[in-house]
């Protein structure tokens, strides 16, 4: 066990830290290997959002794609099917909210015309 692991094992916070966002979520560390111009453009596109948040979203999307491929290919278990159905319901609800908003905007444009 390395020094950092020993120190972490000795210091267990009793209250959630401000960086804790949800149960079961932990910070992970990774290096990315891209050219300087790609990284600069990625940083510029991120604006004021933390890079860790953006990378977390990228990882989540990739995992969801992988899970979807497994479900489509028939390589899944019952738990994964239930999770896929729940994600589909969430996506459907999000799409419904977008449609409602777009229809409201379109109706507003018609009234102003």
PDB file of N, CA and C in Angstrom:
ATOM      1  N   UNK A   1       0.855  -1.172   0.000  1.00  0.00           N
ATOM      2  CA  UNK A   1       0.000   0.000   0.000  1.00  0.00           C
ATOM      3  C   UNK A   1       0.893   1.224   0.000  1.00  0.00           C
ATOM      4  N   UNK A   2       0.637   2.132  -0.897  1.00  0.00           N
ATOM      5  CA  UNK A   2       1.419   3.355  -1.006  1.00  0.00           C
ATOM      6  C   UNK A   2       1.080   4.341   0.091  1.00  0.00           C
ATOM      7  N   UNK A   3       1.928   5.355   0.235  1.00  0.00           N
ATOM      8  CA  UNK A   3       1.737   6.357   1.270  1.00  0.00           C
ATOM      9  C   UNK A   3       0.392   7.064   1.125  1.00  0.00           C
ATOM     10  N   UNK A   4       0.024   7.418  -0.095  1.00  0.00           N
ATOM     11  CA  UNK A   4      -1.238   8.121  -0.313  1.00  0.00           C
ATOM     12  C   UNK A   4      -2.423   7.249   0.127  1.00  0.00           C
ATOM     13  N   UNK A   5      -2.370   5.959  -0.208  1.00  0.00           N
ATOM     14  CA  UNK A   5      -3.456   5.055   0.195  1.00  0.00           C
ATOM     15  C   UNK A   5      -3.532   4.925   1.702  1.00  0.00           C
ATOM     16  N   UNK A   6      -2.359   4.851   2.368  1.00  0.00           N
ATOM     17  CA  UNK A   6      -2.360   4.744   3.831  1.00  0.00           C
ATOM     18  C   UNK A   6      -2.952   6.000   4.463  1.00  0.00           C
ATOM     19  N   UNK A   7      -2.575   7.170   3.920  1.00  0.00           N
ATOM     20  CA  UNK A   7      -3.110   8.416   4.462  1.00  0.00           C
ATOM     21  C   UNK A   7      -4.612   8.498   4.247  1.00  0.00           C
ATOM     22  N   UNK A   8      -5.061   8.083   3.078  1.00  0.00           N
ATOM     23  CA  UNK A   8      -6.486   8.112   2.782  1.00  0.00           C
ATOM     24  C   UNK A   8      -7.237   7.153   3.702  1.00  0.00           C
ATOM     25  N   UNK A   9      -6.641   6.002   3.978  1.00  0.00           N
ATOM     26  CA  UNK A   9      -7.292   5.016   4.841  1.00  0.00           C
ATOM     27  C   UNK A   9      -7.395   5.532   6.277  1.00  0.00           C
ATOM     28  N   UNK A  10      -6.402   6.323   6.715  1.00  0.00           N
ATOM     29  CA  UNK A  10      -6.414   6.846   8.075  1.00  0.00           C
ATOM     30  C   UNK A  10      -7.405   7.988   8.241  1.00  0.00           C
ATOM     31  N   UNK A  11      -7.590   8.802   7.216  1.00  0.00           N
ATOM     32  CA  UNK A  11      -8.451   9.972   7.307  1.00  0.00           C
ATOM     33  C   UNK A  11      -9.748   9.676   6.574  1.00  0.00           C
ATOM     34  N   UNK A  12     -10.753   9.260   7.309  1.00  0.00           N
ATOM     35  CA  UNK A  12     -12.065   8.996   6.728  1.00  0.00           C
ATOM     36  C   UNK A  12     -13.006  10.101   7.180  1.00  0.00           C
ATOM     37  N   UNK A  13     -13.471  10.956   6.263  1.00  0.00           N
ATOM     38  CA  UNK A  13     -14.370  12.034   6.668  1.00  0.00           C
ATOM     39  C   UNK A  13     -15.685  11.474   7.179  1.00  0.00           C
ATOM     40  N   UNK A  14     -16.201  12.132   8.221  1.00  0.00           N
ATOM     41  CA  UNK A  14     -17.471  11.689   8.791  1.00  0.00           C
ATOM     42  C   UNK A  14     -18.645  12.350   8.105  1.00  0.00           C
ATOM     43  N   UNK A  15     -18.417  13.511   7.493  1.00  0.00           N
ATOM     44  CA  UNK A  15     -19.473  14.214   6.774  1.00  0.00           C
ATOM     45  C   UNK A  15     -19.108  14.263   5.300  1.00  0.00           C
ATOM     46  N   UNK A  16     -20.109  14.325   4.421  1.00  0.00           N
ATOM     47  CA  UNK A  16     -19.803  14.415   2.993  1.00  0.00           C
ATOM     48  C   UNK A  16     -19.021  15.681   2.688  1.00  0.00           C
ATOM     49  N   UNK A  17     -18.060  15.547   1.801  1.00  0.00           N
ATOM     50  CA  UNK A  17     -17.284  16.710   1.394  1.00  0.00           C
ATOM     51  C   UNK A  17     -18.062  17.484   0.352  1.00  0.00           C
ATOM     52  N   UNK A  18     -17.749  18.753   0.146  1.00  0.00           N
ATOM     53  CA  UNK A  18     -18.473  19.549  -0.843  1.00  0.00           C
ATOM     54  C   UNK A  18     -18.359  18.982  -2.258  1.00  0.00           C
ATOM     55  N   UNK A  19     -17.293  18.223  -2.538  1.00  0.00           N
ATOM     56  CA  UNK A  19     -17.134  17.677  -3.882  1.00  0.00           C
ATOM     57  C   UNK A  19     -17.983  16.431  -4.094  1.00  0.00           C
ATOM     58  N   UNK A  20     -18.533  15.873  -3.016  1.00  0.00           N
ATOM     59  CA  UNK A  20     -19.387  14.706  -3.160  1.00  0.00           C
ATOM     60  C   UNK A  20     -20.715  15.149  -3.743  1.00  0.00           C
ATOM     61  N   UNK A  21     -21.074  14.575  -4.910  1.00  0.00           N
ATOM     62  CA  UNK A  21     -22.285  15.012  -5.576  1.00  0.00           C
ATOM     63  C   UNK A  21     -23.421  14.022  -5.442  1.00  0.00           C
ATOM     64  N   UNK A  22     -23.117  12.754  -5.393  1.00  0.00           N
ATOM     65  CA  UNK A  22     -24.176  11.757  -5.299  1.00  0.00           C
ATOM     66  C   UNK A  22     -23.606  10.491  -4.693  1.00  0.00           C
ATOM     67  N   UNK A  23     -24.454   9.715  -4.015  1.00  0.00           N
ATOM     68  CA  UNK A  23     -23.963   8.450  -3.458  1.00  0.00           C
ATOM     69  C   UNK A  23     -23.432   7.559  -4.571  1.00  0.00           C
ATOM     70  N   UNK A  24     -22.323   6.907  -4.311  1.00  0.00           N
ATOM     71  CA  UNK A  24     -21.747   6.008  -5.293  1.00  0.00           C
ATOM     72  C   UNK A  24     -20.861   6.696  -6.319  1.00  0.00           C
ATOM     73  N   UNK A  25     -20.773   8.013  -6.271  1.00  0.00           N
ATOM     74  CA  UNK A  25     -19.920   8.737  -7.214  1.00  0.00           C
ATOM     75  C   UNK A  25     -18.626   9.111  -6.515  1.00  0.00           C
ATOM     76  N   UNK A  26     -17.533   8.898  -7.202  1.00  0.00           N
ATOM     77  CA  UNK A  26     -16.226   9.255  -6.659  1.00  0.00           C
ATOM     78  C   UNK A  26     -15.425   9.942  -7.744  1.00  0.00           C
ATOM     79  N   UNK A  27     -14.484  10.733  -7.324  1.00  0.00           N
ATOM     80  CA  UNK A  27     -13.584  11.354  -8.281  1.00  0.00           C
ATOM     81  C   UNK A  27     -12.623  10.290  -8.806  1.00  0.00           C
ATOM     82  N   UNK A  28     -12.359  10.340 -10.079  1.00  0.00           N
ATOM     83  CA  UNK A  28     -11.393   9.461 -10.732  1.00  0.00           C
ATOM     84  C   UNK A  28     -10.369  10.354 -11.404  1.00  0.00           C
ATOM     85  N   UNK A  29      -9.177   9.846 -11.559  1.00  0.00           N
ATOM     86  CA  UNK A  29      -8.142  10.628 -12.209  1.00  0.00           C
ATOM     87  C   UNK A  29      -7.707   9.907 -13.471  1.00  0.00           C
ATOM     88  N   UNK A  30      -7.561  10.652 -14.540  1.00  0.00           N
ATOM     89  CA  UNK A  30      -7.097  10.083 -15.797  1.00  0.00           C
ATOM     90  C   UNK A  30      -6.323  11.149 -16.549  1.00  0.00           C
ATOM     91  N   UNK A  31      -5.463  10.696 -17.402  1.00  0.00           N
ATOM     92  CA  UNK A  31      -4.745  11.609 -18.287  1.00  0.00           C
ATOM     93  C   UNK A  31      -5.347  11.461 -19.666  1.00  0.00           C
ATOM     94  N   UNK A  32      -5.376  12.542 -20.389  1.00  0.00           N
ATOM     95  CA  UNK A  32      -5.839  12.481 -21.770  1.00  0.00           C
ATOM     96  C   UNK A  32      -4.651  12.785 -22.674  1.00  0.00           C
ATOM     97  N   UNK A  33      -4.616  12.121 -23.807  1.00  0.00           N
ATOM     98  CA  UNK A  33      -3.507  12.327 -24.722  1.00  0.00           C
ATOM     99  C   UNK A  33      -4.068  12.836 -26.043  1.00  0.00           C
ATOM    100  N   UNK A  34      -3.980  14.146 -26.226  1.00  0.00           N
ATOM    101  CA  UNK A  34      -4.428  14.808 -27.448  1.00  0.00           C
ATOM    102  C   UNK A  34      -3.417  15.886 -27.796  1.00  0.00           C
ATOM    103  N   UNK A  35      -3.512  16.367 -29.024  1.00  0.00           N
ATOM    104  CA  UNK A  35      -2.593  17.430 -29.433  1.00  0.00           C
ATOM    105  C   UNK A  35      -2.960  18.721 -28.704  1.00  0.00           C
ATOM    106  N   UNK A  36      -2.015  19.637 -28.655  1.00  0.00           N
ATOM    107  CA  UNK A  36      -2.231  20.906 -27.960  1.00  0.00           C
ATOM    108  C   UNK A  36      -3.385  21.700 -28.568  1.00  0.00           C
ATOM    109  N   UNK A  37      -3.501  21.698 -29.900  1.00  0.00           N
ATOM    110  CA  UNK A  37      -4.568  22.473 -30.521  1.00  0.00           C
ATOM    111  C   UNK A  37      -5.942  21.869 -30.216  1.00  0.00           C
ATOM    112  N   UNK A  38      -6.035  20.543 -30.159  1.00  0.00           N
ATOM    113  CA  UNK A  38      -7.312  19.904 -29.807  1.00  0.00           C
ATOM    114  C   UNK A  38      -7.674  20.233 -28.366  1.00  0.00           C
ATOM    115  N   UNK A  39      -6.694  20.154 -27.475  1.00  0.00           N
ATOM    116  CA  UNK A  39      -6.966  20.446 -26.064  1.00  0.00           C
ATOM    117  C   UNK A  39      -7.378  21.908 -25.879  1.00  0.00           C
ATOM    118  N   UNK A  40      -6.704  22.817 -26.577  1.00  0.00           N
ATOM    119  CA  UNK A  40      -7.041  24.238 -26.472  1.00  0.00           C
ATOM    120  C   UNK A  40      -8.466  24.495 -26.930  1.00  0.00           C
ATOM    121  N   UNK A  41      -8.855  23.852 -28.024  1.00  0.00           N
ATOM    122  CA  UNK A  41     -10.214  24.048 -28.525  1.00  0.00           C
ATOM    123  C   UNK A  41     -11.241  23.431 -27.564  1.00  0.00           C
ATOM    124  N   UNK A  42     -10.901  22.275 -26.997  1.00  0.00           N
ATOM    125  CA  UNK A  42     -11.792  21.647 -26.019  1.00  0.00           C
ATOM    126  C   UNK A  42     -11.976  22.560 -24.812  1.00  0.00           C
ATOM    127  N   UNK A  43     -10.882  23.123 -24.311  1.00  0.00           N
ATOM    128  CA  UNK A  43     -10.941  24.045 -23.167  1.00  0.00           C
ATOM    129  C   UNK A  43     -11.778  25.275 -23.502  1.00  0.00           C
ATOM    130  N   UNK A  44     -11.591  25.813 -24.708  1.00  0.00           N
ATOM    131  CA  UNK A  44     -12.343  26.999 -25.109  1.00  0.00           C
ATOM    132  C   UNK A  44     -13.830  26.676 -25.205  1.00  0.00           C
ATOM    133  N   UNK A  45     -14.146  25.511 -25.726  1.00  0.00           N
ATOM    134  CA  UNK A  45     -15.543  25.096 -25.839  1.00  0.00           C
ATOM    135  C   UNK A  45     -16.186  24.833 -24.496  1.00  0.00           C
ATOM    136  N   UNK A  46     -15.387  24.497 -23.511  1.00  0.00           N
ATOM    137  CA  UNK A  46     -15.909  24.203 -22.176  1.00  0.00           C
ATOM    138  C   UNK A  46     -16.391  25.464 -21.476  1.00  0.00           C
ATOM    139  N   UNK A  47     -15.841  26.590 -21.865  1.00  0.00           N
ATOM    140  CA  UNK A  47     -16.214  27.834 -21.194  1.00  0.00           C
ATOM    141  C   UNK A  47     -15.798  27.787 -19.735  1.00  0.00           C
ATOM    142  N   UNK A  48     -16.744  28.099 -18.863  1.00  0.00           N
ATOM    143  CA  UNK A  48     -16.439  28.134 -17.427  1.00  0.00           C
ATOM    144  C   UNK A  48     -16.742  26.815 -16.727  1.00  0.00           C
ATOM    145  N   UNK A  49     -17.251  25.831 -17.491  1.00  0.00           N
ATOM    146  CA  UNK A  49     -17.563  24.536 -16.884  1.00  0.00           C
ATOM    147  C   UNK A  49     -16.280  23.807 -16.527  1.00  0.00           C
ATOM    148  N   UNK A  50     -16.244  23.128 -15.397  1.00  0.00           N
ATOM    149  CA  UNK A  50     -15.048  22.362 -15.032  1.00  0.00           C
ATOM    150  C   UNK A  50     -14.801  21.226 -16.016  1.00  0.00           C
ATOM    151  N   UNK A  51     -13.544  21.033 -16.361  1.00  0.00           N
ATOM    152  CA  UNK A  51     -13.176  19.963 -17.283  1.00  0.00           C
ATOM    153  C   UNK A  51     -13.570  18.614 -16.700  1.00  0.00           C
ATOM    154  N   UNK A  52     -13.454  18.450 -15.401  1.00  0.00           N
ATOM    155  CA  UNK A  52     -13.817  17.171 -14.784  1.00  0.00           C
ATOM    156  C   UNK A  52     -15.283  16.845 -15.032  1.00  0.00           C
ATOM    157  N   UNK A  53     -16.126  17.855 -15.008  1.00  0.00           N
ATOM    158  CA  UNK A  53     -17.554  17.651 -15.266  1.00  0.00           C
ATOM    159  C   UNK A  53     -17.790  17.228 -16.712  1.00  0.00           C
ATOM    160  N   UNK A  54     -17.127  17.895 -17.652  1.00  0.00           N
ATOM    161  CA  UNK A  54     -17.263  17.547 -19.068  1.00  0.00           C
ATOM    162  C   UNK A  54     -16.754  16.142 -19.357  1.00  0.00           C
ATOM    163  N   UNK A  55     -15.594  15.812 -18.808  1.00  0.00           N
ATOM    164  CA  UNK A  55     -15.050  14.480 -19.035  1.00  0.00           C
ATOM    165  C   UNK A  55     -15.941  13.410 -18.407  1.00  0.00           C
ATOM    166  N   UNK A  56     -16.519  13.724 -17.248  1.00  0.00           N
ATOM    167  CA  UNK A  56     -17.460  12.794 -16.627  1.00  0.00           C
ATOM    168  C   UNK A  56     -18.658  12.542 -17.517  1.00  0.00           C
ATOM    169  N   UNK A  57     -19.167  13.591 -18.165  1.00  0.00           N
ATOM    170  CA  UNK A  57     -20.291  13.434 -19.091  1.00  0.00           C
ATOM    171  C   UNK A  57     -19.894  12.592 -20.303  1.00  0.00           C
ATOM    172  N   UNK A  58     -18.685  12.811 -20.811  1.00  0.00           N
ATOM    173  CA  UNK A  58     -18.207  12.022 -21.945  1.00  0.00           C
ATOM    174  C   UNK A  58     -18.118  10.542 -21.586  1.00  0.00           C
ATOM    175  N   UNK A  59     -17.566  10.260 -20.417  1.00  0.00           N
ATOM    176  CA  UNK A  59     -17.442   8.870 -19.975  1.00  0.00           C
ATOM    177  C   UNK A  59     -18.819   8.244 -19.814  1.00  0.00           C
ATOM    178  N   UNK A  60     -19.747   8.976 -19.209  1.00  0.00           N
ATOM    179  CA  UNK A  60     -21.108   8.465 -19.009  1.00  0.00           C
ATOM    180  C   UNK A  60     -21.769   8.156 -20.343  1.00  0.00           C
ATOM    181  N   UNK A  61     -21.630   9.057 -21.322  1.00  0.00           N
ATOM    182  CA  UNK A  61     -22.224   8.814 -22.647  1.00  0.00           C
ATOM    183  C   UNK A  61     -21.633   7.585 -23.310  1.00  0.00           C
ATOM    184  N   UNK A  62     -20.321   7.416 -23.202  1.00  0.00           N
ATOM    185  CA  UNK A  62     -19.679   6.244 -23.808  1.00  0.00           C
ATOM    186  C   UNK A  62     -20.165   4.952 -23.157  1.00  0.00           C
ATOM    187  N   UNK A  63     -20.305   4.959 -21.847  1.00  0.00           N
ATOM    188  CA  UNK A  63     -20.803   3.766 -21.154  1.00  0.00           C
ATOM    189  C   UNK A  63     -22.236   3.475 -21.574  1.00  0.00           C
ATOM    190  N   UNK A  64     -23.057   4.503 -21.700  1.00  0.00           N
ATOM    191  CA  UNK A  64     -24.441   4.302 -22.132  1.00  0.00           C
ATOM    192  C   UNK A  64     -24.493   3.742 -23.546  1.00  0.00           C
ATOM    193  N   UNK A  65     -23.629   4.209 -24.439  1.00  0.00           N
ATOM    194  CA  UNK A  65     -23.573   3.656 -25.799  1.00  0.00           C
ATOM    195  C   UNK A  65     -23.177   2.189 -25.769  1.00  0.00           C
ATOM    196  N   UNK A  66     -22.179   1.883 -24.948  1.00  0.00           N
ATOM    197  CA  UNK A  66     -21.721   0.492 -24.827  1.00  0.00           C
ATOM    198  C   UNK A  66     -22.857  -0.401 -24.315  1.00  0.00           C
ATOM    199  N   UNK A  67     -23.556   0.067 -23.303  1.00  0.00           N
ATOM    200  CA  UNK A  67     -24.676  -0.711 -22.764  1.00  0.00           C
ATOM    201  C   UNK A  67     -25.770  -0.887 -23.808  1.00  0.00           C
ATOM    202  N   UNK A  68     -26.059   0.163 -24.561  1.00  0.00           N
ATOM    203  CA  UNK A  68     -27.085   0.075 -25.606  1.00  0.00           C
ATOM    204  C   UNK A  68     -26.701  -0.958 -26.664  1.00  0.00           C
ATOM    205  N   UNK A  69     -25.425  -0.956 -27.059  1.00  0.00           N
ATOM    206  CA  UNK A  69     -24.964  -1.954 -28.043  1.00  0.00           C
ATOM    207  C   UNK A  69     -25.137  -3.364 -27.496  1.00  0.00           C
ATOM    208  N   UNK A  70     -24.809  -3.548 -26.227  1.00  0.00           N
ATOM    209  CA  UNK A  70     -24.957  -4.881 -25.621  1.00  0.00           C
ATOM    210  C   UNK A  70     -26.415  -5.317 -25.613  1.00  0.00           C
ATOM    211  N   UNK A  71     -27.324  -4.398 -25.309  1.00  0.00           N
ATOM    212  CA  UNK A  71     -28.747  -4.730 -25.300  1.00  0.00           C
ATOM    213  C   UNK A  71     -29.209  -5.072 -26.718  1.00  0.00           C
ATOM    214  N   UNK A  72     -28.813  -4.243 -27.706  1.00  0.00           N
ATOM    215  CA  UNK A  72     -29.198  -4.512 -29.103  1.00  0.00           C
ATOM    216  C   UNK A  72     -28.660  -5.848 -29.589  1.00  0.00           C
ATOM    217  N   UNK A  73     -27.447  -6.196 -29.148  1.00  0.00           N
ATOM    218  CA  UNK A  73     -26.820  -7.442 -29.588  1.00  0.00           C
ATOM    219  C   UNK A  73     -27.303  -8.656 -28.800  1.00  0.00           C
ATOM    220  N   UNK A  74     -28.162  -8.422 -27.808  1.00  0.00           N
ATOM    221  CA  UNK A  74     -28.684  -9.535 -27.014  1.00  0.00           C
ATOM    222  C   UNK A  74     -27.732 -10.040 -25.951  1.00  0.00           C
ATOM    223  N   UNK A  75     -26.723  -9.250 -25.616  1.00  0.00           N
ATOM    224  CA  UNK A  75     -25.751  -9.644 -24.580  1.00  0.00           C
ATOM    225  C   UNK A  75     -26.023  -8.828 -23.321  1.00  0.00           C
ATOM    226  N   UNK A  76     -27.020  -9.225 -22.557  1.00  0.00           N
ATOM    227  CA  UNK A  76     -27.430  -8.448 -21.396  1.00  0.00           C
ATOM    228  C   UNK A  76     -28.055  -9.369 -20.364  1.00  0.00           C
ATOM    229  N   UNK A  77     -28.189  -8.836 -19.154  1.00  0.00           N
ATOM    230  CA  UNK A  77     -28.906  -9.573 -18.116  1.00  0.00           C
ATOM    231  C   UNK A  77     -30.158  -8.775 -17.744  1.00  0.00           C
ATOM    232  N   UNK A  78     -30.978  -9.340 -16.887  1.00  0.00           N
ATOM    233  CA  UNK A  78     -32.246  -8.703 -16.537  1.00  0.00           C
ATOM    234  C   UNK A  78     -32.055  -7.309 -15.948  1.00  0.00           C
ATOM    235  N   UNK A  79     -31.047  -7.152 -15.111  1.00  0.00           N
ATOM    236  CA  UNK A  79     -30.775  -5.850 -14.481  1.00  0.00           C
ATOM    237  C   UNK A  79     -30.474  -4.795 -15.551  1.00  0.00           C
ATOM    238  N   UNK A  80     -29.686  -5.171 -16.557  1.00  0.00           N
ATOM    239  CA  UNK A  80     -29.338  -4.227 -17.614  1.00  0.00           C
ATOM    240  C   UNK A  80     -30.559  -3.837 -18.449  1.00  0.00           C
ATOM    241  N   UNK A  81     -31.473  -4.762 -18.647  1.00  0.00           N
ATOM    242  CA  UNK A  81     -32.692  -4.445 -19.386  1.00  0.00           C
ATOM    243  C   UNK A  81     -33.536  -3.440 -18.611  1.00  0.00           C
ATOM    244  N   UNK A  82     -33.676  -3.655 -17.307  1.00  0.00           N
ATOM    245  CA  UNK A  82     -34.440  -2.722 -16.476  1.00  0.00           C
ATOM    246  C   UNK A  82     -33.792  -1.349 -16.512  1.00  0.00           C
ATOM    247  N   UNK A  83     -32.461  -1.287 -16.414  1.00  0.00           N
ATOM    248  CA  UNK A  83     -31.748  -0.005 -16.492  1.00  0.00           C
ATOM    249  C   UNK A  83     -31.968   0.662 -17.839  1.00  0.00           C
ATOM    250  N   UNK A  84     -31.932  -0.117 -18.923  1.00  0.00           N
ATOM    251  CA  UNK A  84     -32.132   0.439 -20.264  1.00  0.00           C
ATOM    252  C   UNK A  84     -33.538   1.012 -20.403  1.00  0.00           C
ATOM    253  N   UNK A  85     -34.525   0.319 -19.855  1.00  0.00           N
ATOM    254  CA  UNK A  85     -35.905   0.816 -19.916  1.00  0.00           C
ATOM    255  C   UNK A  85     -36.031   2.119 -19.135  1.00  0.00           C
ATOM    256  N   UNK A  86     -35.410   2.190 -17.973  1.00  0.00           N
ATOM    257  CA  UNK A  86     -35.470   3.412 -17.169  1.00  0.00           C
ATOM    258  C   UNK A  86     -34.793   4.570 -17.896  1.00  0.00           C
ATOM    259  N   UNK A  87     -33.647   4.325 -18.512  1.00  0.00           N
ATOM    260  CA  UNK A  87     -32.968   5.388 -19.274  1.00  0.00           C
ATOM    261  C   UNK A  87     -33.833   5.839 -20.445  1.00  0.00           C
ATOM    262  N   UNK A  88     -34.492   4.889 -21.101  1.00  0.00           N
ATOM    263  CA  UNK A  88     -35.378   5.245 -22.222  1.00  0.00           C
ATOM    264  C   UNK A  88     -36.532   6.114 -21.735  1.00  0.00           C
ATOM    265  N   UNK A  89     -37.086   5.799 -20.576  1.00  0.00           N
ATOM    266  CA  UNK A  89     -38.169   6.623 -20.014  1.00  0.00           C
ATOM    267  C   UNK A  89     -37.677   8.032 -19.700  1.00  0.00           C
ATOM    268  N   UNK A  90     -36.472   8.139 -19.147  1.00  0.00           N
ATOM    269  CA  UNK A  90     -35.908   9.456 -18.852  1.00  0.00           C
ATOM    270  C   UNK A  90     -35.700  10.256 -20.134  1.00  0.00           C
ATOM    271  N   UNK A  91     -35.200   9.597 -21.169  1.00  0.00           N
ATOM    272  CA  UNK A  91     -34.994  10.277 -22.442  1.00  0.00           C
ATOM    273  C   UNK A  91     -36.324  10.703 -23.050  1.00  0.00           C
ATOM    274  N   UNK A  92     -37.323   9.858 -22.931  1.00  0.00           N
ATOM    275  CA  UNK A  92     -38.645  10.197 -23.455  1.00  0.00           C
ATOM    276  C   UNK A  92     -39.205  11.416 -22.724  1.00  0.00           C
ATOM    277  N   UNK A  93     -39.056  11.452 -21.404  1.00  0.00           N
ATOM    278  CA  UNK A  93     -39.547  12.594 -20.628  1.00  0.00           C
ATOM    279  C   UNK A  93     -38.809  13.876 -21.035  1.00  0.00           C
ATOM    280  N   UNK A  94     -37.499  13.770 -21.248  1.00  0.00           N
ATOM    281  CA  UNK A  94     -36.724  14.939 -21.666  1.00  0.00           C
ATOM    282  C   UNK A  94     -37.176  15.414 -23.047  1.00  0.00           C
ATOM    283  N   UNK A  95     -37.402  14.487 -23.959  1.00  0.00           N
ATOM    284  CA  UNK A  95     -37.872  14.856 -25.294  1.00  0.00           C
ATOM    285  C   UNK A  95     -39.252  15.495 -25.240  1.00  0.00           C
ATOM    286  N   UNK A  96     -40.121  14.963 -24.394  1.00  0.00           N
ATOM    287  CA  UNK A  96     -41.453  15.553 -24.253  1.00  0.00           C
ATOM    288  C   UNK A  96     -41.363  16.994 -23.757  1.00  0.00           C
ATOM    289  N   UNK A  97     -40.478  17.243 -22.805  1.00  0.00           N
ATOM    290  CA  UNK A  97     -40.304  18.607 -22.287  1.00  0.00           C
ATOM    291  C   UNK A  97     -39.782  19.537 -23.378  1.00  0.00           C
ATOM    292  N   UNK A  98     -38.871  19.036 -24.197  1.00  0.00           N
ATOM    293  CA  UNK A  98     -38.335  19.842 -25.298  1.00  0.00           C
ATOM    294  C   UNK A  98     -39.438  20.164 -26.299  1.00  0.00           C
ATOM    295  N   UNK A  99     -40.253  19.166 -26.642  1.00  0.00           N
ATOM    296  CA  UNK A  99     -41.347  19.376 -27.592  1.00  0.00           C
ATOM    297  C   UNK A  99     -42.338  20.402 -27.058  1.00  0.00           C
ATOM    298  N   UNK A 100     -42.685  20.300 -25.785  1.00  0.00           N
ATOM    299  CA  UNK A 100     -43.616  21.264 -25.177  1.00  0.00           C
ATOM    300  C   UNK A 100     -43.046  22.672 -25.283  1.00  0.00           C
ATOM    301  N   UNK A 101     -41.766  22.812 -24.982  1.00  0.00           N
ATOM    302  CA  UNK A 101     -41.122  24.127 -25.041  1.00  0.00           C
ATOM    303  C   UNK A 101     -41.084  24.664 -26.468  1.00  0.00           C
ATOM    304  N   UNK A 102     -40.732  23.800 -27.413  1.00  0.00           N
ATOM    305  CA  UNK A 102     -40.689  24.234 -28.812  1.00  0.00           C
ATOM    306  C   UNK A 102     -42.076  24.626 -29.322  1.00  0.00           C
ATOM    307  N   UNK A 103     -43.085  23.860 -28.944  1.00  0.00           N
ATOM    308  CA  UNK A 103     -44.450  24.200 -29.368  1.00  0.00           C
ATOM    309  C   UNK A 103     -44.897  25.530 -28.763  1.00  0.00           C
ATOM    310  N   UNK A 104     -44.511  25.779 -27.518  1.00  0.00           N
ATOM    311  CA  UNK A 104     -44.853  27.050 -26.880  1.00  0.00           C
ATOM    312  C   UNK A 104     -44.148  28.207 -27.593  1.00  0.00           C
ATOM    313  N   UNK A 105     -42.897  28.003 -27.936  1.00  0.00           N
ATOM    314  CA  UNK A 105     -42.161  29.039 -28.671  1.00  0.00           C
ATOM    315  C   UNK A 105     -42.776  29.281 -30.038  1.00  0.00           C
ATOM    316  N   UNK A 106     -43.138  28.217 -30.725  1.00  0.00           N
ATOM    317  CA  UNK A 106     -43.764  28.350 -32.035  1.00  0.00           C
ATOM    318  C   UNK A 106     -45.108  29.055 -31.944  1.00  0.00           C
ATOM    319  N   UNK A 107     -45.882  28.721 -30.926  1.00  0.00           N
ATOM    320  CA  UNK A 107     -47.176  29.391 -30.732  1.00  0.00           C
ATOM    321  C   UNK A 107     -46.979  30.870 -30.434  1.00  0.00           C
ATOM    322  N   UNK A 108     -45.937  31.209 -29.678  1.00  0.00           N
ATOM    323  CA  UNK A 108     -45.620  32.604 -29.379  1.00  0.00           C
ATOM    324  C   UNK A 108     -45.220  33.360 -30.615  1.00  0.00           C
ATOM    325  N   UNK A 109     -44.502  32.732 -31.503  1.00  0.00           N
ATOM    326  CA  UNK A 109     -44.080  33.370 -32.756  1.00  0.00           C
ATOM    327  C   UNK A 109     -45.300  33.635 -33.618  1.00  0.00           C
ATOM    328  N   UNK A 110     -46.239  32.702 -33.667  1.00  0.00           N
ATOM    329  CA  UNK A 110     -47.447  32.880 -34.464  1.00  0.00           C
ATOM    330  C   UNK A 110     -48.271  34.059 -33.971  1.00  0.00           C
ATOM    331  N   UNK A 111     -48.362  34.210 -32.646  1.00  0.00           N
ATOM    332  CA  UNK A 111     -49.144  35.321 -32.087  1.00  0.00           C
ATOM    333  C   UNK A 111     -48.501  36.656 -32.405  1.00  0.00           C
ATOM    334  N   UNK A 112     -47.155  36.690 -32.429  1.00  0.00           N
ATOM    335  CA  UNK A 112     -46.445  37.937 -32.687  1.00  0.00           C
ATOM    336  C   UNK A 112     -46.464  38.314 -34.165  1.00  0.00           C
ATOM    337  N   UNK A 113     -46.725  37.366 -35.046  1.00  0.00           N
ATOM    338  CA  UNK A 113     -46.670  37.630 -36.496  1.00  0.00           C
ATOM    339  C   UNK A 113     -47.832  38.472 -36.970  1.00  0.00           C
TER     340      UNK A 113
END
